[in-house]
Protein backbone atom coordinates (compact mmCIF):
# COMPACT_ATOMS: atom_id res chain seq x y z
CA MET A 1 32.44 33.68 -169.38
CA SER A 2 35.15 35.39 -167.79
CA SER A 3 35.00 37.87 -164.95
CA THR A 4 37.87 40.48 -164.30
CA THR A 5 38.02 41.41 -160.77
CA SER A 6 39.79 44.81 -160.70
CA GLY A 7 42.08 45.29 -157.25
CA PRO A 8 43.47 49.11 -155.33
CA VAL A 9 44.25 52.13 -157.54
CA PRO A 10 46.71 54.20 -156.41
CA ALA A 11 46.12 57.81 -155.02
CA SER A 12 46.23 60.09 -157.95
CA VAL A 13 45.00 64.04 -158.08
CA THR A 14 44.88 66.44 -161.36
CA ILE A 15 45.29 70.11 -160.41
CA GLU A 16 44.75 72.78 -162.95
CA ARG A 17 46.87 76.38 -163.21
CA ARG A 18 47.96 78.90 -165.53
CA VAL A 19 51.60 79.81 -166.39
CA ALA A 20 51.69 82.64 -164.76
CA TRP A 21 54.33 85.86 -165.80
CA GLU A 22 56.93 84.59 -163.16
CA ASP A 23 57.04 80.98 -164.45
CA THR A 24 58.32 82.50 -167.62
CA ASP A 25 61.76 82.96 -168.39
CA ALA A 26 64.16 85.05 -171.08
CA SER A 27 62.98 82.82 -173.92
CA GLY A 28 59.44 83.67 -172.98
CA HIS A 29 58.10 80.00 -172.10
CA TYR A 30 57.65 78.39 -169.16
CA HIS A 31 60.68 78.10 -166.85
CA HIS A 32 61.51 74.26 -166.37
CA GLY A 33 61.80 74.75 -162.64
CA THR A 34 57.59 75.83 -163.16
CA VAL A 35 56.96 71.88 -163.35
CA ILE A 36 58.46 71.16 -159.90
CA ARG A 37 56.60 73.42 -158.26
CA TRP A 38 53.24 72.54 -160.08
CA VAL A 39 54.07 68.66 -158.68
CA GLU A 40 54.67 69.57 -155.15
CA GLU A 41 51.02 71.93 -155.91
CA ALA A 42 49.68 68.43 -156.12
CA GLU A 43 51.02 66.08 -154.25
CA GLY A 44 49.92 68.65 -151.13
CA VAL A 45 46.78 68.99 -153.21
CA LEU A 46 46.61 65.03 -153.02
CA GLN A 47 47.80 64.96 -149.37
CA GLU A 48 45.02 67.40 -148.23
CA ARG A 49 42.47 64.90 -150.04
CA LEU A 50 43.41 61.85 -148.67
CA GLY A 51 43.85 63.71 -145.20
CA ILE A 52 47.37 62.70 -144.42
CA ASP A 53 49.98 65.43 -143.39
CA LEU A 54 53.95 64.38 -144.42
CA PHE A 55 54.86 67.72 -144.72
CA GLY A 56 58.39 67.92 -143.70
CA ARG A 57 58.61 64.23 -143.63
CA LEU A 58 59.32 63.50 -147.07
CA PRO A 59 62.84 64.74 -148.39
CA ARG A 60 63.18 64.37 -152.45
CA VAL A 61 65.83 62.21 -153.15
CA HIS A 62 65.39 61.75 -157.23
CA TYR A 63 63.15 64.00 -159.52
CA GLU A 64 63.65 63.56 -163.15
CA VAL A 65 61.32 65.51 -166.26
CA ASP A 66 61.01 65.26 -169.64
CA TYR A 67 60.47 68.44 -171.74
CA ALA A 68 58.02 68.13 -174.82
CA ALA A 69 56.49 71.56 -175.57
CA ARG A 70 56.44 75.16 -174.83
CA LEU A 71 54.31 76.63 -172.10
CA TRP A 72 53.84 79.96 -172.98
CA TYR A 73 52.35 83.43 -170.43
CA GLY A 74 48.11 82.62 -169.62
CA ASP A 75 48.43 78.74 -170.88
CA ARG A 76 45.59 76.57 -169.28
CA VAL A 77 47.67 74.10 -167.84
CA GLU A 78 46.45 70.26 -166.23
CA VAL A 79 48.74 68.42 -164.33
CA ALA A 80 48.12 64.63 -163.31
CA LEU A 81 50.04 63.26 -160.26
CA SER A 82 49.91 59.62 -159.56
CA VAL A 83 51.27 57.39 -157.02
CA ALA A 84 53.39 54.87 -159.06
CA GLU A 85 55.18 52.73 -156.48
CA VAL A 86 55.13 53.00 -152.11
CA GLY A 87 57.64 50.74 -150.90
CA ARG A 88 58.80 49.99 -147.14
CA THR A 89 60.04 53.63 -146.58
CA SER A 90 59.81 55.54 -150.09
CA LEU A 91 57.47 56.79 -152.80
CA ARG A 92 57.35 57.32 -156.57
CA PHE A 93 54.73 60.06 -158.02
CA THR A 94 54.73 59.93 -161.77
CA PHE A 95 53.12 62.72 -163.42
CA ASP A 96 52.20 64.80 -166.51
CA VAL A 97 52.05 68.65 -167.40
CA HIS A 98 49.80 69.42 -170.24
CA GLY A 99 48.62 72.30 -172.49
CA GLY A 100 45.57 72.35 -174.37
CA THR A 101 45.92 68.54 -175.76
CA ALA A 102 49.68 67.92 -175.68
CA VAL A 103 52.05 66.84 -173.16
CA ALA A 104 54.66 69.49 -171.95
CA ALA A 105 56.84 67.58 -169.52
CA ARG A 106 56.45 64.10 -167.89
CA GLY A 107 58.42 62.79 -165.50
CA ALA A 108 58.86 61.06 -162.01
CA LEU A 109 59.66 62.02 -158.33
CA VAL A 110 61.07 60.00 -155.72
CA ALA A 111 60.47 60.85 -151.96
CA VAL A 112 62.13 59.39 -148.89
CA HIS A 113 59.78 58.97 -145.21
CA ALA A 114 61.98 59.85 -142.04
CA GLU A 115 60.06 60.93 -139.41
CA SER A 116 62.82 63.00 -138.07
CA PRO A 117 65.03 65.55 -139.41
CA THR A 118 68.18 63.80 -137.76
CA GLU A 119 67.07 60.13 -138.20
CA GLY A 120 67.17 57.90 -141.15
CA PRO A 121 63.68 56.55 -143.31
CA THR A 122 60.83 55.04 -141.60
CA ALA A 123 58.85 52.73 -143.01
CA TRP A 124 54.87 53.83 -143.57
CA PRO A 125 52.10 53.98 -141.30
CA ASP A 126 49.30 51.74 -142.32
CA THR A 127 47.07 54.11 -142.33
CA VAL A 128 49.72 56.19 -145.27
CA ARG A 129 50.74 53.25 -147.04
CA LYS A 130 46.27 52.40 -147.17
CA ALA A 131 46.10 56.20 -148.46
CA LEU A 132 48.50 55.79 -151.00
CA LEU A 133 48.22 52.49 -152.67
CA GLU A 134 43.88 52.09 -152.25
CA ALA A 135 42.10 55.27 -152.71
CA GLY A 136 42.80 56.43 -156.02
CA PRO A 137 41.88 58.98 -157.86
CA GLN A 138 40.79 62.16 -155.60
CA ARG A 139 38.30 65.44 -156.88
CA PRO A 140 40.78 67.38 -159.21
CA GLU A 141 41.59 70.84 -158.61
CA ARG A 142 39.89 72.97 -160.85
CA LEU A 143 40.51 76.72 -162.18
CA THR A 144 37.22 78.52 -161.56
């Protein structure tokens, strides 16, 4: 008889949004820049749920996204954001943007913890590191 033990699960959250008029471009579907805004909205919800505030101390150093499907004005979307890695001073999120049953966009965002706007990267406080690495899935933010 074997038993499996699962360790801590990194923090994650899912939010729902609608493609707004201002999210679209001349092609009629969502603009590429909309994805980063949705990802940052999910990040804000995640920080809220975890009880941490990294606003102004988490500059972005890398962002990548693959677009797989179009989303149109009024479409309901689900943005799933997960902590993928936490280094000594950096953090890597991964995300999926779903529209209906399809993945519309998928990517990653890397940020660096910097307590001071004039100094370089700083190590994560132990409480923040623990929350990022062990808090698991958080309550989603759903449209009503």
